[in-house]
Amino acid sequence: MVRLKVKVVFCAALLLAMAVSAPPADASALRPPPHLVDGYGRCVVQSERAPMTRASAEVCGHLYLLLKLSLLPDMDHARYTALPPEVRAQVSAAGYRALREWRRTKRRQEHESLRY
């Protein structure tokens, strides 16, 4: 009976991960919260200046995760941490892809604004 429950939970989590595995078709709709973008930007600058302490690295890693999750519809940290590790890896990868797409779109928009 326990194995059946585990399989059901895993299947449900896998379906959820598949639902968030691709960023939305309209990349211009992707807008992470500015406080996460700014916070993670500070982490990048700090890491380029000097080695980070363990505590700083943990905070920055958490910010990066929240930034990726913010770009996935219907996904938040509580839901993410409840997922099995294999599914969390898939969701994290989907968030990474969404973040890359958001960065590409942002650079394209900035480039286009400079042309006019």
PDB file of N, CA and C in Angstrom:
ATOM      1  N   MET A   1       0.812  -1.193   0.000  1.00  0.00           N
ATOM      2  CA  MET A   1       0.000   0.000   0.000  1.00  0.00           C
ATOM      3  C   MET A   1       0.862   1.267   0.000  1.00  0.00           C
ATOM      4  N   VAL A   2       1.945   1.235   0.774  1.00  0.00           N
ATOM      5  CA  VAL A   2       2.821   2.398   0.845  1.00  0.00           C
ATOM      6  C   VAL A   2       3.481   2.645  -0.510  1.00  0.00           C
ATOM      7  N   ARG A   3       3.889   1.570  -1.178  1.00  0.00           N
ATOM      8  CA  ARG A   3       4.513   1.725  -2.498  1.00  0.00           C
ATOM      9  C   ARG A   3       3.554   2.376  -3.490  1.00  0.00           C
ATOM     10  N   LEU A   4       2.296   2.016  -3.424  1.00  0.00           N
ATOM     11  CA  LEU A   4       1.298   2.596  -4.313  1.00  0.00           C
ATOM     12  C   LEU A   4       1.173   4.097  -4.052  1.00  0.00           C
ATOM     13  N   LYS A   5       1.142   4.500  -2.786  1.00  0.00           N
ATOM     14  CA  LYS A   5       1.046   5.917  -2.449  1.00  0.00           C
ATOM     15  C   LYS A   5       2.271   6.674  -2.963  1.00  0.00           C
ATOM     16  N   VAL A   6       3.440   6.077  -2.816  1.00  0.00           N
ATOM     17  CA  VAL A   6       4.670   6.715  -3.297  1.00  0.00           C
ATOM     18  C   VAL A   6       4.617   6.891  -4.805  1.00  0.00           C
ATOM     19  N   LYS A   7       4.148   5.874  -5.510  1.00  0.00           N
ATOM     20  CA  LYS A   7       4.043   5.966  -6.962  1.00  0.00           C
ATOM     21  C   LYS A   7       3.047   7.044  -7.384  1.00  0.00           C
ATOM     22  N   VAL A   8       1.934   7.134  -6.679  1.00  0.00           N
ATOM     23  CA  VAL A   8       0.923   8.139  -7.003  1.00  0.00           C
ATOM     24  C   VAL A   8       1.495   9.537  -6.773  1.00  0.00           C
ATOM     25  N   VAL A   9       2.164   9.750  -5.656  1.00  0.00           N
ATOM     26  CA  VAL A   9       2.758  11.058  -5.358  1.00  0.00           C
ATOM     27  C   VAL A   9       3.820  11.389  -6.399  1.00  0.00           C
ATOM     28  N   PHE A  10       4.661  10.416  -6.738  1.00  0.00           N
ATOM     29  CA  PHE A  10       5.712  10.662  -7.722  1.00  0.00           C
ATOM     30  C   PHE A  10       5.108  10.998  -9.085  1.00  0.00           C
ATOM     31  N   CYS A  11       4.074  10.278  -9.497  1.00  0.00           N
ATOM     32  CA  CYS A  11       3.433  10.562 -10.786  1.00  0.00           C
ATOM     33  C   CYS A  11       2.811  11.950 -10.799  1.00  0.00           C
ATOM     34  N   ALA A  12       2.180  12.334  -9.706  1.00  0.00           N
ATOM     35  CA  ALA A  12       1.580  13.667  -9.631  1.00  0.00           C
ATOM     36  C   ALA A  12       2.658  14.738  -9.706  1.00  0.00           C
ATOM     37  N   ALA A  13       3.763  14.509  -9.011  1.00  0.00           N
ATOM     38  CA  ALA A  13       4.860  15.480  -9.037  1.00  0.00           C
ATOM     39  C   ALA A  13       5.480  15.550 -10.423  1.00  0.00           C
ATOM     40  N   LEU A  14       5.599  14.422 -11.087  1.00  0.00           N
ATOM     41  CA  LEU A  14       6.158  14.400 -12.432  1.00  0.00           C
ATOM     42  C   LEU A  14       5.259  15.159 -13.403  1.00  0.00           C
ATOM     43  N   LEU A  15       3.949  14.991 -13.285  1.00  0.00           N
ATOM     44  CA  LEU A  15       3.025  15.743 -14.141  1.00  0.00           C
ATOM     45  C   LEU A  15       3.150  17.243 -13.887  1.00  0.00           C
ATOM     46  N   LEU A  16       3.312  17.635 -12.637  1.00  0.00           N
ATOM     47  CA  LEU A  16       3.501  19.044 -12.312  1.00  0.00           C
ATOM     48  C   LEU A  16       4.789  19.564 -12.940  1.00  0.00           C
ATOM     49  N   ALA A  17       5.846  18.792 -12.846  1.00  0.00           N
ATOM     50  CA  ALA A  17       7.119  19.220 -13.430  1.00  0.00           C
ATOM     51  C   ALA A  17       7.009  19.343 -14.943  1.00  0.00           C
ATOM     52  N   MET A  18       6.290  18.443 -15.573  1.00  0.00           N
ATOM     53  CA  MET A  18       6.119  18.530 -17.020  1.00  0.00           C
ATOM     54  C   MET A  18       5.331  19.773 -17.388  1.00  0.00           C
ATOM     55  N   ALA A  19       4.397  20.160 -16.541  1.00  0.00           N
ATOM     56  CA  ALA A  19       3.579  21.349 -16.817  1.00  0.00           C
ATOM     57  C   ALA A  19       4.414  22.617 -16.771  1.00  0.00           C
ATOM     58  N   VAL A  20       5.491  22.629 -15.978  1.00  0.00           N
ATOM     59  CA  VAL A  20       6.324  23.825 -15.868  1.00  0.00           C
ATOM     60  C   VAL A  20       7.646  23.668 -16.594  1.00  0.00           C
ATOM     61  N   SER A  21       7.791  22.628 -17.389  1.00  0.00           N
ATOM     62  CA  SER A  21       9.082  22.352 -18.003  1.00  0.00           C
ATOM     63  C   SER A  21       9.443  23.303 -19.131  1.00  0.00           C
ATOM     64  N   ALA A  22       8.491  24.030 -19.637  1.00  0.00           N
ATOM     65  CA  ALA A  22       8.791  24.981 -20.711  1.00  0.00           C
ATOM     66  C   ALA A  22       8.322  26.364 -20.297  1.00  0.00           C
ATOM     67  N   PRO A  23       9.117  27.386 -20.633  1.00  0.00           N
ATOM     68  CA  PRO A  23       8.677  28.733 -20.313  1.00  0.00           C
ATOM     69  C   PRO A  23       7.456  29.107 -21.142  1.00  0.00           C
ATOM     70  N   PRO A  24       6.675  30.087 -20.708  1.00  0.00           N
ATOM     71  CA  PRO A  24       5.513  30.507 -21.488  1.00  0.00           C
ATOM     72  C   PRO A  24       5.920  30.929 -22.897  1.00  0.00           C
ATOM     73  N   ALA A  25       5.018  30.749 -23.840  1.00  0.00           N
ATOM     74  CA  ALA A  25       5.322  31.057 -25.242  1.00  0.00           C
ATOM     75  C   ALA A  25       5.642  32.532 -25.429  1.00  0.00           C
ATOM     76  N   ASP A  26       5.007  33.404 -24.671  1.00  0.00           N
ATOM     77  CA  ASP A  26       5.237  34.834 -24.787  1.00  0.00           C
ATOM     78  C   ASP A  26       6.327  35.237 -23.808  1.00  0.00           C
ATOM     79  N   ALA A  27       7.567  35.275 -24.295  1.00  0.00           N
ATOM     80  CA  ALA A  27       8.707  35.563 -23.429  1.00  0.00           C
ATOM     81  C   ALA A  27       8.638  36.961 -22.838  1.00  0.00           C
ATOM     82  N   SER A  28       7.918  37.879 -23.487  1.00  0.00           N
ATOM     83  CA  SER A  28       7.827  39.231 -22.949  1.00  0.00           C
ATOM     84  C   SER A  28       7.007  39.258 -21.658  1.00  0.00           C
ATOM     85  N   ALA A  29       6.223  38.202 -21.410  1.00  0.00           N
ATOM     86  CA  ALA A  29       5.429  38.134 -20.190  1.00  0.00           C
ATOM     87  C   ALA A  29       6.268  37.716 -18.985  1.00  0.00           C
ATOM     88  N   LEU A  30       7.464  37.248 -19.237  1.00  0.00           N
ATOM     89  CA  LEU A  30       8.333  36.805 -18.155  1.00  0.00           C
ATOM     90  C   LEU A  30       8.942  38.009 -17.454  1.00  0.00           C
ATOM     91  N   ARG A  31       8.552  38.228 -16.214  1.00  0.00           N
ATOM     92  CA  ARG A  31       9.097  39.353 -15.447  1.00  0.00           C
ATOM     93  C   ARG A  31       9.326  38.919 -14.012  1.00  0.00           C
ATOM     94  N   PRO A  32      10.570  38.623 -13.678  1.00  0.00           N
ATOM     95  CA  PRO A  32      10.832  38.264 -12.283  1.00  0.00           C
ATOM     96  C   PRO A  32      10.727  39.506 -11.397  1.00  0.00           C
ATOM     97  N   PRO A  33      10.441  39.323 -10.127  1.00  0.00           N
ATOM     98  CA  PRO A  33      10.354  40.465  -9.221  1.00  0.00           C
ATOM     99  C   PRO A  33      11.684  41.220  -9.177  1.00  0.00           C
ATOM    100  N   PRO A  34      11.641  42.538  -9.256  1.00  0.00           N
ATOM    101  CA  PRO A  34      12.880  43.332  -9.265  1.00  0.00           C
ATOM    102  C   PRO A  34      13.773  43.091  -8.053  1.00  0.00           C
ATOM    103  N   HIS A  35      13.182  42.837  -6.885  1.00  0.00           N
ATOM    104  CA  HIS A  35      14.025  42.633  -5.700  1.00  0.00           C
ATOM    105  C   HIS A  35      14.867  41.363  -5.828  1.00  0.00           C
ATOM    106  N   LEU A  36      14.358  40.344  -6.524  1.00  0.00           N
ATOM    107  CA  LEU A  36      15.158  39.133  -6.736  1.00  0.00           C
ATOM    108  C   LEU A  36      16.261  39.378  -7.759  1.00  0.00           C
ATOM    109  N   VAL A  37      15.925  40.118  -8.810  1.00  0.00           N
ATOM    110  CA  VAL A  37      16.926  40.440  -9.837  1.00  0.00           C
ATOM    111  C   VAL A  37      18.051  41.271  -9.214  1.00  0.00           C
ATOM    112  N   ASP A  38      17.678  42.298  -8.439  1.00  0.00           N
ATOM    113  CA  ASP A  38      18.677  43.157  -7.800  1.00  0.00           C
ATOM    114  C   ASP A  38      19.512  42.382  -6.783  1.00  0.00           C
ATOM    115  N   GLY A  39      18.856  41.586  -5.972  1.00  0.00           N
ATOM    116  CA  GLY A  39      19.576  40.804  -4.963  1.00  0.00           C
ATOM    117  C   GLY A  39      20.565  39.848  -5.591  1.00  0.00           C
ATOM    118  N   TYR A  40      20.127  39.150  -6.627  1.00  0.00           N
ATOM    119  CA  TYR A  40      21.044  38.217  -7.274  1.00  0.00           C
ATOM    120  C   TYR A  40      22.164  38.971  -8.001  1.00  0.00           C
ATOM    121  N   GLY A  41      21.851  40.130  -8.562  1.00  0.00           N
ATOM    122  CA  GLY A  41      22.892  40.952  -9.192  1.00  0.00           C
ATOM    123  C   GLY A  41      23.970  41.338  -8.195  1.00  0.00           C
ATOM    124  N   ARG A  42      23.568  41.677  -6.965  1.00  0.00           N
ATOM    125  CA  ARG A  42      24.543  41.995  -5.924  1.00  0.00           C
ATOM    126  C   ARG A  42      25.395  40.775  -5.589  1.00  0.00           C
ATOM    127  N   CYS A  43      24.782  39.611  -5.607  1.00  0.00           N
ATOM    128  CA  CYS A  43      25.536  38.373  -5.347  1.00  0.00           C
ATOM    129  C   CYS A  43      26.612  38.162  -6.412  1.00  0.00           C
ATOM    130  N   VAL A  44      26.248  38.406  -7.656  1.00  0.00           N
ATOM    131  CA  VAL A  44      27.210  38.224  -8.748  1.00  0.00           C
ATOM    132  C   VAL A  44      28.382  39.175  -8.570  1.00  0.00           C
ATOM    133  N   VAL A  45      28.088  40.437  -8.278  1.00  0.00           N
ATOM    134  CA  VAL A  45      29.147  41.430  -8.076  1.00  0.00           C
ATOM    135  C   VAL A  45      30.033  41.016  -6.902  1.00  0.00           C
ATOM    136  N   GLN A  46      29.416  40.598  -5.806  1.00  0.00           N
ATOM    137  CA  GLN A  46      30.178  40.187  -4.628  1.00  0.00           C
ATOM    138  C   GLN A  46      31.085  39.006  -4.949  1.00  0.00           C
ATOM    139  N   SER A  47      30.577  38.047  -5.708  1.00  0.00           N
ATOM    140  CA  SER A  47      31.378  36.861  -6.019  1.00  0.00           C
ATOM    141  C   SER A  47      32.534  37.183  -6.959  1.00  0.00           C
ATOM    142  N   GLU A  48      32.394  38.244  -7.753  1.00  0.00           N
ATOM    143  CA  GLU A  48      33.475  38.638  -8.649  1.00  0.00           C
ATOM    144  C   GLU A  48      34.579  39.392  -7.906  1.00  0.00           C
ATOM    145  N   ARG A  49      34.229  40.014  -6.797  1.00  0.00           N
ATOM    146  CA  ARG A  49      35.206  40.802  -6.029  1.00  0.00           C
ATOM    147  C   ARG A  49      36.084  39.951  -5.138  1.00  0.00           C
ATOM    148  N   ALA A  50      35.487  38.959  -4.498  1.00  0.00           N
ATOM    149  CA  ALA A  50      36.236  38.137  -3.535  1.00  0.00           C
ATOM    150  C   ALA A  50      35.485  36.835  -3.297  1.00  0.00           C
ATOM    151  N   PRO A  51      36.182  35.842  -2.781  1.00  0.00           N
ATOM    152  CA  PRO A  51      35.481  34.602  -2.438  1.00  0.00           C
ATOM    153  C   PRO A  51      34.376  34.879  -1.412  1.00  0.00           C
ATOM    154  N   MET A  52      33.288  34.188  -1.563  1.00  0.00           N
ATOM    155  CA  MET A  52      32.140  34.389  -0.671  1.00  0.00           C
ATOM    156  C   MET A  52      32.260  33.489   0.551  1.00  0.00           C
ATOM    157  N   THR A  53      31.694  33.952   1.638  1.00  0.00           N
ATOM    158  CA  THR A  53      31.588  33.087   2.813  1.00  0.00           C
ATOM    159  C   THR A  53      30.538  32.027   2.524  1.00  0.00           C
ATOM    160  N   ARG A  54      30.542  30.992   3.327  1.00  0.00           N
ATOM    161  CA  ARG A  54      29.549  29.943   3.138  1.00  0.00           C
ATOM    162  C   ARG A  54      28.136  30.502   3.294  1.00  0.00           C
ATOM    163  N   ALA A  55      27.947  31.355   4.293  1.00  0.00           N
ATOM    164  CA  ALA A  55      26.620  31.931   4.535  1.00  0.00           C
ATOM    165  C   ALA A  55      26.168  32.771   3.346  1.00  0.00           C
ATOM    166  N   SER A  56      27.066  33.586   2.795  1.00  0.00           N
ATOM    167  CA  SER A  56      26.722  34.402   1.629  1.00  0.00           C
ATOM    168  C   SER A  56      26.395  33.527   0.428  1.00  0.00           C
ATOM    169  N   ALA A  57      27.173  32.482   0.225  1.00  0.00           N
ATOM    170  CA  ALA A  57      26.930  31.581  -0.901  1.00  0.00           C
ATOM    171  C   ALA A  57      25.567  30.899  -0.768  1.00  0.00           C
ATOM    172  N   GLU A  58      25.195  30.527   0.460  1.00  0.00           N
ATOM    173  CA  GLU A  58      23.892  29.891   0.667  1.00  0.00           C
ATOM    174  C   GLU A  58      22.749  30.868   0.382  1.00  0.00           C
ATOM    175  N   VAL A  59      22.906  32.105   0.849  1.00  0.00           N
ATOM    176  CA  VAL A  59      21.878  33.117   0.596  1.00  0.00           C
ATOM    177  C   VAL A  59      21.758  33.368  -0.903  1.00  0.00           C
ATOM    178  N   CYS A  60      22.891  33.510  -1.574  1.00  0.00           N
ATOM    179  CA  CYS A  60      22.869  33.774  -3.016  1.00  0.00           C
ATOM    180  C   CYS A  60      22.301  32.588  -3.795  1.00  0.00           C
ATOM    181  N   GLY A  61      22.619  31.385  -3.373  1.00  0.00           N
ATOM    182  CA  GLY A  61      22.047  30.207  -4.019  1.00  0.00           C
ATOM    183  C   GLY A  61      20.535  30.158  -3.864  1.00  0.00           C
ATOM    184  N   HIS A  62      20.065  30.538  -2.685  1.00  0.00           N
ATOM    185  CA  HIS A  62      18.626  30.572  -2.445  1.00  0.00           C
ATOM    186  C   HIS A  62      17.956  31.665  -3.287  1.00  0.00           C
ATOM    187  N   LEU A  63      18.602  32.819  -3.388  1.00  0.00           N
ATOM    188  CA  LEU A  63      18.067  33.896  -4.232  1.00  0.00           C
ATOM    189  C   LEU A  63      17.962  33.440  -5.685  1.00  0.00           C
ATOM    190  N   TYR A  64      18.994  32.745  -6.153  1.00  0.00           N
ATOM    191  CA  TYR A  64      19.000  32.260  -7.534  1.00  0.00           C
ATOM    192  C   TYR A  64      17.848  31.278  -7.759  1.00  0.00           C
ATOM    193  N   LEU A  65      17.630  30.393  -6.805  1.00  0.00           N
ATOM    194  CA  LEU A  65      16.523  29.448  -6.923  1.00  0.00           C
ATOM    195  C   LEU A  65      15.188  30.191  -6.963  1.00  0.00           C
ATOM    196  N   LEU A  66      15.000  31.156  -6.067  1.00  0.00           N
ATOM    197  CA  LEU A  66      13.752  31.927  -6.054  1.00  0.00           C
ATOM    198  C   LEU A  66      13.563  32.697  -7.356  1.00  0.00           C
ATOM    199  N   LEU A  67      14.654  33.200  -7.908  1.00  0.00           N
ATOM    200  CA  LEU A  67      14.594  33.915  -9.181  1.00  0.00           C
ATOM    201  C   LEU A  67      14.106  32.981 -10.289  1.00  0.00           C
ATOM    202  N   LYS A  68      14.678  31.778 -10.348  1.00  0.00           N
ATOM    203  CA  LYS A  68      14.245  30.810 -11.367  1.00  0.00           C
ATOM    204  C   LYS A  68      12.786  30.401 -11.162  1.00  0.00           C
ATOM    205  N   LEU A  69      12.412  30.139  -9.922  1.00  0.00           N
ATOM    206  CA  LEU A  69      11.035  29.710  -9.650  1.00  0.00           C
ATOM    207  C   LEU A  69      10.028  30.809  -9.948  1.00  0.00           C
ATOM    208  N   SER A  70      10.448  32.065  -9.800  1.00  0.00           N
ATOM    209  CA  SER A  70       9.522  33.176 -10.048  1.00  0.00           C
ATOM    210  C   SER A  70       9.093  33.253 -11.507  1.00  0.00           C
ATOM    211  N   LEU A  71       9.839  32.607 -12.377  1.00  0.00           N
ATOM    212  CA  LEU A  71       9.519  32.636 -13.807  1.00  0.00           C
ATOM    213  C   LEU A  71       8.672  31.449 -14.251  1.00  0.00           C
ATOM    214  N   LEU A  72       8.329  30.599 -13.315  1.00  0.00           N
ATOM    215  CA  LEU A  72       7.512  29.424 -13.637  1.00  0.00           C
ATOM    216  C   LEU A  72       6.114  29.617 -13.070  1.00  0.00           C
ATOM    217  N   PRO A  73       5.106  29.596 -13.931  1.00  0.00           N
ATOM    218  CA  PRO A  73       3.734  29.765 -13.428  1.00  0.00           C
ATOM    219  C   PRO A  73       3.369  28.636 -12.470  1.00  0.00           C
ATOM    220  N   ASP A  74       2.631  28.977 -11.449  1.00  0.00           N
ATOM    221  CA  ASP A  74       2.128  27.994 -10.475  1.00  0.00           C
ATOM    222  C   ASP A  74       3.225  27.270  -9.700  1.00  0.00           C
ATOM    223  N   MET A  75       4.396  27.870  -9.589  1.00  0.00           N
ATOM    224  CA  MET A  75       5.463  27.232  -8.814  1.00  0.00           C
ATOM    225  C   MET A  75       5.968  28.235  -7.794  1.00  0.00           C
ATOM    226  N   ASP A  76       6.079  27.778  -6.564  1.00  0.00           N
ATOM    227  CA  ASP A  76       6.672  28.603  -5.521  1.00  0.00           C
ATOM    228  C   ASP A  76       7.606  27.720  -4.700  1.00  0.00           C
ATOM    229  N   HIS A  77       8.274  28.330  -3.746  1.00  0.00           N
ATOM    230  CA  HIS A  77       9.280  27.590  -2.984  1.00  0.00           C
ATOM    231  C   HIS A  77       8.660  26.448  -2.183  1.00  0.00           C
ATOM    232  N   ALA A  78       7.503  26.668  -1.580  1.00  0.00           N
ATOM    233  CA  ALA A  78       6.856  25.614  -0.790  1.00  0.00           C
ATOM    234  C   ALA A  78       6.500  24.411  -1.660  1.00  0.00           C
ATOM    235  N   ARG A  79       5.933  24.675  -2.802  1.00  0.00           N
ATOM    236  CA  ARG A  79       5.573  23.580  -3.716  1.00  0.00           C
ATOM    237  C   ARG A  79       6.838  22.874  -4.221  1.00  0.00           C
ATOM    238  N   TYR A  80       7.866  23.657  -4.531  1.00  0.00           N
ATOM    239  CA  TYR A  80       9.125  23.100  -5.029  1.00  0.00           C
ATOM    240  C   TYR A  80       9.757  22.161  -4.008  1.00  0.00           C
ATOM    241  N   THR A  81       9.835  22.599  -2.750  1.00  0.00           N
ATOM    242  CA  THR A  81      10.498  21.766  -1.740  1.00  0.00           C
ATOM    243  C   THR A  81       9.708  20.503  -1.423  1.00  0.00           C
ATOM    244  N   ALA A  82       8.419  20.477  -1.735  1.00  0.00           N
ATOM    245  CA  ALA A  82       7.608  19.282  -1.487  1.00  0.00           C
ATOM    246  C   ALA A  82       7.792  18.216  -2.572  1.00  0.00           C
ATOM    247  N   LEU A  83       8.444  18.582  -3.658  1.00  0.00           N
ATOM    248  CA  LEU A  83       8.626  17.645  -4.770  1.00  0.00           C
ATOM    249  C   LEU A  83       9.762  16.660  -4.489  1.00  0.00           C
ATOM    250  N   PRO A  84       9.705  15.476  -5.095  1.00  0.00           N
ATOM    251  CA  PRO A  84      10.832  14.542  -4.981  1.00  0.00           C
ATOM    252  C   PRO A  84      12.071  15.136  -5.665  1.00  0.00           C
ATOM    253  N   PRO A  85      13.264  14.745  -5.237  1.00  0.00           N
ATOM    254  CA  PRO A  85      14.504  15.320  -5.789  1.00  0.00           C
ATOM    255  C   PRO A  85      14.602  15.266  -7.314  1.00  0.00           C
ATOM    256  N   GLU A  86      14.175  14.158  -7.917  1.00  0.00           N
ATOM    257  CA  GLU A  86      14.279  14.029  -9.374  1.00  0.00           C
ATOM    258  C   GLU A  86      13.419  15.079 -10.074  1.00  0.00           C
ATOM    259  N   VAL A  87      12.257  15.335  -9.511  1.00  0.00           N
ATOM    260  CA  VAL A  87      11.337  16.297 -10.103  1.00  0.00           C
ATOM    261  C   VAL A  87      11.832  17.720  -9.839  1.00  0.00           C
ATOM    262  N   ARG A  88      12.387  17.952  -8.640  1.00  0.00           N
ATOM    263  CA  ARG A  88      12.963  19.274  -8.345  1.00  0.00           C
ATOM    264  C   ARG A  88      14.045  19.615  -9.359  1.00  0.00           C
ATOM    265  N   ALA A  89      14.844  18.641  -9.738  1.00  0.00           N
ATOM    266  CA  ALA A  89      15.900  18.884 -10.735  1.00  0.00           C
ATOM    267  C   ALA A  89      15.289  19.326 -12.063  1.00  0.00           C
ATOM    268  N   GLN A  90      14.197  18.705 -12.458  1.00  0.00           N
ATOM    269  CA  GLN A  90      13.539  19.079 -13.709  1.00  0.00           C
ATOM    270  C   GLN A  90      12.942  20.481 -13.618  1.00  0.00           C
ATOM    271  N   VAL A  91      12.336  20.796 -12.498  1.00  0.00           N
ATOM    272  CA  VAL A  91      11.731  22.124 -12.304  1.00  0.00           C
ATOM    273  C   VAL A  91      12.830  23.185 -12.286  1.00  0.00           C
ATOM    274  N   SER A  92      13.937  22.895 -11.610  1.00  0.00           N
ATOM    275  CA  SER A  92      15.052  23.840 -11.567  1.00  0.00           C
ATOM    276  C   SER A  92      15.603  24.099 -12.964  1.00  0.00           C
ATOM    277  N   ALA A  93      15.721  23.046 -13.753  1.00  0.00           N
ATOM    278  CA  ALA A  93      16.201  23.207 -15.133  1.00  0.00           C
ATOM    279  C   ALA A  93      15.219  24.037 -15.960  1.00  0.00           C
ATOM    280  N   ALA A  94      13.929  23.836 -15.736  1.00  0.00           N
ATOM    281  CA  ALA A  94      12.927  24.636 -16.448  1.00  0.00           C
ATOM    282  C   ALA A  94      13.037  26.103 -16.040  1.00  0.00           C
ATOM    283  N   GLY A  95      13.281  26.357 -14.769  1.00  0.00           N
ATOM    284  CA  GLY A  95      13.469  27.725 -14.296  1.00  0.00           C
ATOM    285  C   GLY A  95      14.707  28.356 -14.903  1.00  0.00           C
ATOM    286  N   TYR A  96      15.765  27.571 -15.039  1.00  0.00           N
ATOM    287  CA  TYR A  96      16.994  28.070 -15.663  1.00  0.00           C
ATOM    288  C   TYR A  96      16.732  28.465 -17.118  1.00  0.00           C
ATOM    289  N   ARG A  97      16.010  27.609 -17.836  1.00  0.00           N
ATOM    290  CA  ARG A  97      15.683  27.927 -19.236  1.00  0.00           C
ATOM    291  C   ARG A  97      14.829  29.188 -19.325  1.00  0.00           C
ATOM    292  N   ALA A  98      13.867  29.317 -18.411  1.00  0.00           N
ATOM    293  CA  ALA A  98      13.013  30.509 -18.400  1.00  0.00           C
ATOM    294  C   ALA A  98      13.834  31.758 -18.088  1.00  0.00           C
ATOM    295  N   LEU A  99      14.798  31.642 -17.180  1.00  0.00           N
ATOM    296  CA  LEU A  99      15.656  32.777 -16.841  1.00  0.00           C
ATOM    297  C   LEU A  99      16.525  33.183 -18.034  1.00  0.00           C
ATOM    298  N   ARG A 100      17.070  32.198 -18.727  1.00  0.00           N
ATOM    299  CA  ARG A 100      17.869  32.500 -19.927  1.00  0.00           C
ATOM    300  C   ARG A 100      17.016  33.203 -20.981  1.00  0.00           C
ATOM    301  N   GLU A 101      15.797  32.746 -21.174  1.00  0.00           N
ATOM    302  CA  GLU A 101      14.905  33.363 -22.157  1.00  0.00           C
ATOM    303  C   GLU A 101      14.563  34.789 -21.738  1.00  0.00           C
ATOM    304  N   TRP A 102      14.321  35.008 -20.446  1.00  0.00           N
ATOM    305  CA  TRP A 102      14.027  36.343 -19.959  1.00  0.00           C
ATOM    306  C   TRP A 102      15.218  37.270 -20.203  1.00  0.00           C
ATOM    307  N   ARG A 103      16.427  36.780 -19.938  1.00  0.00           N
ATOM    308  CA  ARG A 103      17.627  37.598 -20.172  1.00  0.00           C
ATOM    309  C   ARG A 103      17.786  37.933 -21.649  1.00  0.00           C
ATOM    310  N   ARG A 104      17.549  36.938 -22.514  1.00  0.00           N
ATOM    311  CA  ARG A 104      17.636  37.178 -23.970  1.00  0.00           C
ATOM    312  C   ARG A 104      16.633  38.235 -24.400  1.00  0.00           C
ATOM    313  N   THR A 105      15.410  38.104 -23.930  1.00  0.00           N
ATOM    314  CA  THR A 105      14.358  39.061 -24.284  1.00  0.00           C
ATOM    315  C   THR A 105      14.710  40.452 -23.770  1.00  0.00           C
ATOM    316  N   LYS A 106      15.205  40.533 -22.545  1.00  0.00           N
ATOM    317  CA  LYS A 106      15.566  41.829 -21.966  1.00  0.00           C
ATOM    318  C   LYS A 106      16.688  42.489 -22.769  1.00  0.00           C
ATOM    319  N   ARG A 107      17.726  41.712 -23.129  1.00  0.00           N
ATOM    320  CA  ARG A 107      18.823  42.270 -23.937  1.00  0.00           C
ATOM    321  C   ARG A 107      18.311  42.745 -25.287  1.00  0.00           C
ATOM    322  N   ARG A 108      17.427  41.973 -25.915  1.00  0.00           N
ATOM    323  CA  ARG A 108      16.877  42.349 -27.213  1.00  0.00           C
ATOM    324  C   ARG A 108      16.085  43.653 -27.097  1.00  0.00           C
ATOM    325  N   GLN A 109      15.277  43.778 -26.057  1.00  0.00           N
ATOM    326  CA  GLN A 109      14.492  44.991 -25.844  1.00  0.00           C
ATOM    327  C   GLN A 109      15.403  46.196 -25.595  1.00  0.00           C
ATOM    328  N   GLU A 110      16.459  46.001 -24.816  1.00  0.00           N
ATOM    329  CA  GLU A 110      17.393  47.100 -24.552  1.00  0.00           C
ATOM    330  C   GLU A 110      18.107  47.505 -25.821  1.00  0.00           C
ATOM    331  N   HIS A 111      18.497  46.522 -26.620  1.00  0.00           N
ATOM    332  CA  HIS A 111      19.176  46.808 -27.892  1.00  0.00           C
ATOM    333  C   HIS A 111      18.263  47.579 -28.832  1.00  0.00           C
ATOM    334  N   GLU A 112      16.998  47.144 -28.925  1.00  0.00           N
ATOM    335  CA  GLU A 112      16.048  47.819 -29.794  1.00  0.00           C
ATOM    336  C   GLU A 112      15.759  49.239 -29.333  1.00  0.00           C
ATOM    337  N   SER A 113      15.744  49.466 -28.027  1.00  0.00           N
ATOM    338  CA  SER A 113      15.472  50.811 -27.517  1.00  0.00           C
ATOM    339  C   SER A 113      16.627  51.752 -27.826  1.00  0.00           C
ATOM    340  N   LEU A 114      17.822  51.229 -27.974  1.00  0.00           N
ATOM    341  CA  LEU A 114      18.972  52.075 -28.310  1.00  0.00           C
ATOM    342  C   LEU A 114      19.000  52.458 -29.799  1.00  0.00           C
ATOM    343  N   ARG A 115      18.317  51.683 -30.613  1.00  0.00           N
ATOM    344  CA  ARG A 115      18.329  51.937 -32.061  1.00  0.00           C
ATOM    345  C   ARG A 115      17.461  53.127 -32.442  1.00  0.00           C
ATOM    346  N   TYR A 116      16.533  53.525 -31.595  1.00  0.00           N
ATOM    347  CA  TYR A 116      15.594  54.597 -31.961  1.00  0.00           C
ATOM    348  C   TYR A 116      15.896  55.868 -31.253  1.00  0.00           C
TER     349      TYR A 116
END
